Amino acid sequence: MYDYCPECAQRTELEIGFWYGTGYVSYVLSVLFSIFTLILYWLIFGITWRDNSIFHWLIVNGIILTLAMPVLMRLSRTVYLNFYVGYDPEAESIIKQQETKKPLTV
């Protein structure tokens, strides 16, 4: 993650240890993704205990979740940051005004 947002210059780590809460958000996103893949797998292939297809889904889901972890991590940080930092549509104009001002030299 960037230390500051490249678009609005908002600091992304608000305090030390701020990102610890993203573990909970990442967990919820992973569970929702797993439920989605379970339903999709069930509709396409069908799941029964007789042929152990539930274990096939677990293996496929584990591989997909492992490969998707970089995306889920960044998505969970973005969602978590949006809990604490609101969007201000006028922020861009304020930043542009600050950039055009020249510092006073003594």
N, C-alpha and C. Protein backbone atom coordinates (compact mmCIF):
# COMPACT_ATOMS: atom_id res chain seq x y z
N MET A 1 0.85 -1.18 0.00
CA MET A 1 0.00 0.00 0.00
C MET A 1 0.89 1.23 0.00
N TYR A 2 0.36 2.26 -0.61
CA TYR A 2 1.05 3.54 -0.59
C TYR A 2 0.95 4.14 0.81
N ASP A 3 1.95 4.94 1.19
CA ASP A 3 1.87 5.67 2.45
C ASP A 3 0.83 6.78 2.35
N TYR A 4 0.74 7.37 1.16
CA TYR A 4 -0.24 8.42 0.88
C TYR A 4 -0.95 8.07 -0.41
N CYS A 5 -2.23 8.38 -0.48
CA CYS A 5 -3.02 8.13 -1.68
C CYS A 5 -2.46 8.96 -2.84
N PRO A 6 -2.23 8.34 -4.00
CA PRO A 6 -1.68 9.11 -5.12
C PRO A 6 -2.68 10.10 -5.72
N GLU A 7 -3.96 9.93 -5.44
CA GLU A 7 -4.98 10.83 -6.00
C GLU A 7 -5.27 12.02 -5.09
N CYS A 8 -5.44 11.74 -3.80
CA CYS A 8 -5.88 12.82 -2.89
C CYS A 8 -4.88 13.15 -1.80
N ALA A 9 -3.77 12.43 -1.73
CA ALA A 9 -2.71 12.65 -0.74
C ALA A 9 -3.15 12.36 0.69
N GLN A 10 -4.20 11.58 0.86
CA GLN A 10 -4.65 11.16 2.18
C GLN A 10 -3.68 10.12 2.73
N ARG A 11 -3.25 10.30 3.95
CA ARG A 11 -2.38 9.32 4.60
C ARG A 11 -3.18 8.04 4.80
N THR A 12 -2.61 6.89 4.43
CA THR A 12 -3.38 5.64 4.51
C THR A 12 -3.24 4.94 5.86
N GLU A 13 -2.10 5.06 6.52
CA GLU A 13 -1.97 4.46 7.84
C GLU A 13 -2.19 5.57 8.87
N LEU A 14 -3.39 5.59 9.44
CA LEU A 14 -3.78 6.68 10.32
C LEU A 14 -3.04 6.67 11.65
N GLU A 15 -2.70 5.48 12.13
CA GLU A 15 -1.96 5.36 13.39
C GLU A 15 -1.21 4.03 13.36
N ILE A 16 -0.30 3.86 14.28
CA ILE A 16 0.47 2.62 14.35
C ILE A 16 -0.47 1.47 14.70
N GLY A 17 -0.38 0.40 13.94
CA GLY A 17 -1.25 -0.75 14.17
C GLY A 17 -2.63 -0.60 13.57
N PHE A 18 -2.82 0.39 12.72
CA PHE A 18 -4.15 0.65 12.16
C PHE A 18 -4.66 -0.52 11.34
N TRP A 19 -3.78 -1.23 10.65
CA TRP A 19 -4.21 -2.27 9.73
C TRP A 19 -4.55 -3.59 10.41
N TYR A 20 -4.44 -3.71 11.73
CA TYR A 20 -4.78 -4.97 12.39
C TYR A 20 -6.25 -5.34 12.20
N GLY A 21 -7.10 -4.37 12.11
CA GLY A 21 -8.53 -4.62 11.92
C GLY A 21 -8.87 -5.19 10.56
N THR A 22 -7.95 -5.07 9.61
CA THR A 22 -8.24 -5.59 8.26
C THR A 22 -8.29 -7.11 8.24
N GLY A 23 -7.75 -7.75 9.25
CA GLY A 23 -7.84 -9.21 9.32
C GLY A 23 -9.28 -9.66 9.41
N TYR A 24 -10.09 -8.92 10.16
CA TYR A 24 -11.51 -9.25 10.28
C TYR A 24 -12.25 -9.02 8.96
N VAL A 25 -11.92 -7.92 8.31
CA VAL A 25 -12.56 -7.62 7.03
C VAL A 25 -12.15 -8.66 5.99
N SER A 26 -10.88 -9.03 5.98
CA SER A 26 -10.40 -10.05 5.05
C SER A 26 -11.07 -11.39 5.31
N TYR A 27 -11.29 -11.71 6.57
CA TYR A 27 -11.96 -12.96 6.92
C TYR A 27 -13.39 -12.98 6.39
N VAL A 28 -14.11 -11.87 6.57
CA VAL A 28 -15.49 -11.79 6.08
C VAL A 28 -15.52 -11.90 4.56
N LEU A 29 -14.61 -11.21 3.88
CA LEU A 29 -14.56 -11.29 2.42
C LEU A 29 -14.24 -12.71 1.96
N SER A 30 -13.35 -13.39 2.66
CA SER A 30 -13.01 -14.77 2.29
C SER A 30 -14.18 -15.71 2.51
N VAL A 31 -14.91 -15.54 3.59
CA VAL A 31 -16.08 -16.38 3.85
C VAL A 31 -17.16 -16.13 2.79
N LEU A 32 -17.42 -14.87 2.47
CA LEU A 32 -18.41 -14.57 1.43
C LEU A 32 -17.99 -15.14 0.08
N PHE A 33 -16.70 -15.03 -0.24
CA PHE A 33 -16.20 -15.60 -1.49
C PHE A 33 -16.35 -17.11 -1.50
N SER A 34 -16.09 -17.76 -0.35
CA SER A 34 -16.22 -19.21 -0.26
C SER A 34 -17.66 -19.65 -0.41
N ILE A 35 -18.58 -18.91 0.17
CA ILE A 35 -20.00 -19.22 0.01
C ILE A 35 -20.41 -19.09 -1.45
N PHE A 36 -19.91 -18.04 -2.11
CA PHE A 36 -20.21 -17.85 -3.53
C PHE A 36 -19.68 -19.00 -4.37
N THR A 37 -18.43 -19.43 -4.12
CA THR A 37 -17.87 -20.53 -4.91
C THR A 37 -18.56 -21.85 -4.58
N LEU A 38 -19.00 -22.04 -3.33
CA LEU A 38 -19.74 -23.25 -2.98
C LEU A 38 -21.05 -23.34 -3.76
N ILE A 39 -21.78 -22.23 -3.81
CA ILE A 39 -23.04 -22.22 -4.54
C ILE A 39 -22.79 -22.43 -6.03
N LEU A 40 -21.78 -21.77 -6.57
CA LEU A 40 -21.45 -21.93 -7.97
C LEU A 40 -21.03 -23.36 -8.29
N TYR A 41 -20.19 -23.94 -7.45
CA TYR A 41 -19.75 -25.33 -7.63
C TYR A 41 -20.93 -26.29 -7.53
N TRP A 42 -21.83 -26.02 -6.61
CA TRP A 42 -23.01 -26.87 -6.41
C TRP A 42 -23.92 -26.83 -7.63
N LEU A 43 -24.12 -25.63 -8.20
CA LEU A 43 -24.98 -25.50 -9.36
C LEU A 43 -24.36 -26.12 -10.62
N ILE A 44 -23.05 -26.03 -10.75
CA ILE A 44 -22.40 -26.55 -11.95
C ILE A 44 -22.14 -28.06 -11.86
N PHE A 45 -21.54 -28.51 -10.77
CA PHE A 45 -21.13 -29.91 -10.66
C PHE A 45 -22.01 -30.73 -9.72
N GLY A 46 -22.65 -30.09 -8.78
CA GLY A 46 -23.42 -30.83 -7.78
C GLY A 46 -22.50 -31.32 -6.67
N ILE A 47 -23.00 -31.32 -5.45
CA ILE A 47 -22.20 -31.74 -4.31
C ILE A 47 -22.95 -32.83 -3.57
N THR A 48 -22.28 -33.95 -3.39
CA THR A 48 -22.84 -35.04 -2.60
C THR A 48 -21.73 -35.62 -1.72
N TRP A 49 -22.14 -36.31 -0.66
CA TRP A 49 -21.18 -36.96 0.21
C TRP A 49 -20.74 -38.31 -0.37
N ARG A 50 -21.54 -38.86 -1.29
CA ARG A 50 -21.24 -40.19 -1.83
C ARG A 50 -19.96 -40.20 -2.66
N ASP A 51 -19.74 -39.16 -3.44
CA ASP A 51 -18.55 -39.16 -4.30
C ASP A 51 -17.46 -38.20 -3.80
N ASN A 52 -17.59 -37.70 -2.57
CA ASN A 52 -16.60 -36.82 -1.94
C ASN A 52 -16.37 -35.53 -2.73
N SER A 53 -17.38 -35.06 -3.45
CA SER A 53 -17.21 -33.83 -4.23
C SER A 53 -17.05 -32.60 -3.34
N ILE A 54 -17.48 -32.69 -2.09
CA ILE A 54 -17.26 -31.57 -1.17
C ILE A 54 -15.77 -31.35 -0.94
N PHE A 55 -15.00 -32.42 -0.93
CA PHE A 55 -13.55 -32.29 -0.75
C PHE A 55 -12.89 -31.71 -1.99
N HIS A 56 -13.44 -32.02 -3.16
CA HIS A 56 -12.94 -31.42 -4.39
C HIS A 56 -13.17 -29.91 -4.36
N TRP A 57 -14.35 -29.51 -3.90
CA TRP A 57 -14.63 -28.06 -3.78
C TRP A 57 -13.68 -27.41 -2.77
N LEU A 58 -13.44 -28.07 -1.66
CA LEU A 58 -12.53 -27.50 -0.65
C LEU A 58 -11.13 -27.28 -1.22
N ILE A 59 -10.66 -28.23 -2.01
CA ILE A 59 -9.33 -28.09 -2.61
C ILE A 59 -9.31 -26.95 -3.61
N VAL A 60 -10.31 -26.91 -4.49
CA VAL A 60 -10.38 -25.84 -5.49
C VAL A 60 -10.54 -24.49 -4.81
N ASN A 61 -11.39 -24.40 -3.82
CA ASN A 61 -11.62 -23.14 -3.11
C ASN A 61 -10.34 -22.70 -2.38
N GLY A 62 -9.63 -23.63 -1.78
CA GLY A 62 -8.37 -23.29 -1.10
C GLY A 62 -7.34 -22.74 -2.07
N ILE A 63 -7.24 -23.34 -3.25
CA ILE A 63 -6.29 -22.85 -4.25
C ILE A 63 -6.68 -21.46 -4.74
N ILE A 64 -7.97 -21.27 -5.01
CA ILE A 64 -8.43 -19.96 -5.49
C ILE A 64 -8.21 -18.89 -4.42
N LEU A 65 -8.53 -19.19 -3.16
CA LEU A 65 -8.32 -18.22 -2.09
C LEU A 65 -6.85 -17.89 -1.90
N THR A 66 -5.98 -18.88 -2.03
CA THR A 66 -4.56 -18.63 -1.90
C THR A 66 -4.06 -17.70 -3.00
N LEU A 67 -4.52 -17.93 -4.22
CA LEU A 67 -4.11 -17.08 -5.33
C LEU A 67 -4.73 -15.68 -5.25
N ALA A 68 -5.90 -15.57 -4.62
CA ALA A 68 -6.60 -14.29 -4.53
C ALA A 68 -6.21 -13.47 -3.30
N MET A 69 -5.34 -13.97 -2.46
CA MET A 69 -5.00 -13.26 -1.23
C MET A 69 -4.42 -11.86 -1.45
N PRO A 70 -3.55 -11.63 -2.44
CA PRO A 70 -3.09 -10.24 -2.64
C PRO A 70 -4.24 -9.28 -2.96
N VAL A 71 -5.18 -9.73 -3.76
CA VAL A 71 -6.34 -8.89 -4.09
C VAL A 71 -7.23 -8.70 -2.87
N LEU A 72 -7.49 -9.78 -2.14
CA LEU A 72 -8.34 -9.68 -0.95
C LEU A 72 -7.70 -8.80 0.12
N MET A 73 -6.38 -8.85 0.25
CA MET A 73 -5.71 -8.01 1.25
C MET A 73 -5.89 -6.54 0.92
N ARG A 74 -5.65 -6.18 -0.34
CA ARG A 74 -5.79 -4.78 -0.73
C ARG A 74 -7.25 -4.32 -0.66
N LEU A 75 -8.16 -5.20 -1.05
CA LEU A 75 -9.58 -4.86 -0.97
C LEU A 75 -10.01 -4.67 0.48
N SER A 76 -9.53 -5.53 1.38
CA SER A 76 -9.91 -5.40 2.79
C SER A 76 -9.33 -4.12 3.39
N ARG A 77 -8.12 -3.73 2.97
CA ARG A 77 -7.56 -2.46 3.46
C ARG A 77 -8.36 -1.27 2.96
N THR A 78 -8.80 -1.34 1.72
CA THR A 78 -9.60 -0.25 1.16
C THR A 78 -10.94 -0.14 1.88
N VAL A 79 -11.59 -1.28 2.11
CA VAL A 79 -12.88 -1.27 2.81
C VAL A 79 -12.70 -0.76 4.24
N TYR A 80 -11.66 -1.22 4.92
CA TYR A 80 -11.41 -0.81 6.31
C TYR A 80 -11.09 0.67 6.40
N LEU A 81 -10.31 1.18 5.46
CA LEU A 81 -9.97 2.60 5.45
C LEU A 81 -11.21 3.45 5.22
N ASN A 82 -12.14 2.95 4.41
CA ASN A 82 -13.37 3.70 4.15
C ASN A 82 -14.29 3.77 5.36
N PHE A 83 -14.10 2.90 6.35
CA PHE A 83 -14.86 3.02 7.60
C PHE A 83 -14.47 4.28 8.37
N TYR A 84 -13.21 4.72 8.22
CA TYR A 84 -12.67 5.81 9.03
C TYR A 84 -12.45 7.10 8.27
N VAL A 85 -12.30 7.04 6.97
CA VAL A 85 -12.02 8.23 6.18
C VAL A 85 -13.15 8.40 5.17
N GLY A 86 -13.82 9.53 5.26
CA GLY A 86 -14.91 9.79 4.34
C GLY A 86 -14.43 10.44 3.05
N TYR A 87 -15.27 10.39 2.04
CA TYR A 87 -14.95 10.98 0.75
C TYR A 87 -15.39 12.43 0.75
N ASP A 88 -14.50 13.32 0.35
CA ASP A 88 -14.82 14.74 0.25
C ASP A 88 -14.64 15.16 -1.20
N PRO A 89 -15.72 15.46 -1.92
CA PRO A 89 -15.59 15.82 -3.33
C PRO A 89 -14.84 17.13 -3.55
N GLU A 90 -14.73 17.96 -2.54
CA GLU A 90 -14.04 19.24 -2.70
C GLU A 90 -12.56 19.15 -2.35
N ALA A 91 -12.09 17.99 -1.93
CA ALA A 91 -10.70 17.84 -1.50
C ALA A 91 -9.73 18.09 -2.64
N GLU A 92 -10.10 17.69 -3.86
CA GLU A 92 -9.19 17.87 -4.99
C GLU A 92 -8.93 19.34 -5.26
N SER A 93 -9.97 20.16 -5.17
CA SER A 93 -9.77 21.59 -5.42
C SER A 93 -8.93 22.23 -4.30
N ILE A 94 -9.07 21.77 -3.08
CA ILE A 94 -8.27 22.30 -1.98
C ILE A 94 -6.80 21.93 -2.16
N ILE A 95 -6.53 20.70 -2.59
CA ILE A 95 -5.15 20.27 -2.82
C ILE A 95 -4.52 21.07 -3.95
N LYS A 96 -5.27 21.31 -5.01
CA LYS A 96 -4.74 22.10 -6.13
C LYS A 96 -4.43 23.53 -5.69
N GLN A 97 -5.27 24.10 -4.82
CA GLN A 97 -5.01 25.44 -4.31
C GLN A 97 -3.74 25.47 -3.46
N GLN A 98 -3.53 24.43 -2.66
CA GLN A 98 -2.34 24.37 -1.82
C GLN A 98 -1.08 24.17 -2.66
N GLU A 99 -1.19 23.45 -3.75
CA GLU A 99 -0.03 23.23 -4.61
C GLU A 99 0.37 24.50 -5.35
N THR A 100 -0.58 25.36 -5.67
CA THR A 100 -0.26 26.59 -6.40
C THR A 100 0.33 27.66 -5.50
N LYS A 101 0.06 27.59 -4.20
CA LYS A 101 0.64 28.55 -3.27
C LYS A 101 2.12 28.26 -3.12
N LYS A 102 2.91 29.31 -3.16
CA LYS A 102 4.35 29.16 -2.99
C LYS A 102 4.71 29.47 -1.55
N PRO A 103 5.63 28.69 -0.97
CA PRO A 103 6.02 28.95 0.42
C PRO A 103 6.76 30.29 0.53
N LEU A 104 6.58 30.91 1.67
CA LEU A 104 7.27 32.17 1.92
C LEU A 104 8.72 31.91 2.23
N THR A 105 9.59 32.70 1.65
CA THR A 105 11.02 32.54 1.92
C THR A 105 11.49 33.75 2.71
N VAL A 106 12.37 33.52 3.63
CA VAL A 106 12.86 34.60 4.50
C VAL A 106 14.23 35.03 4.05
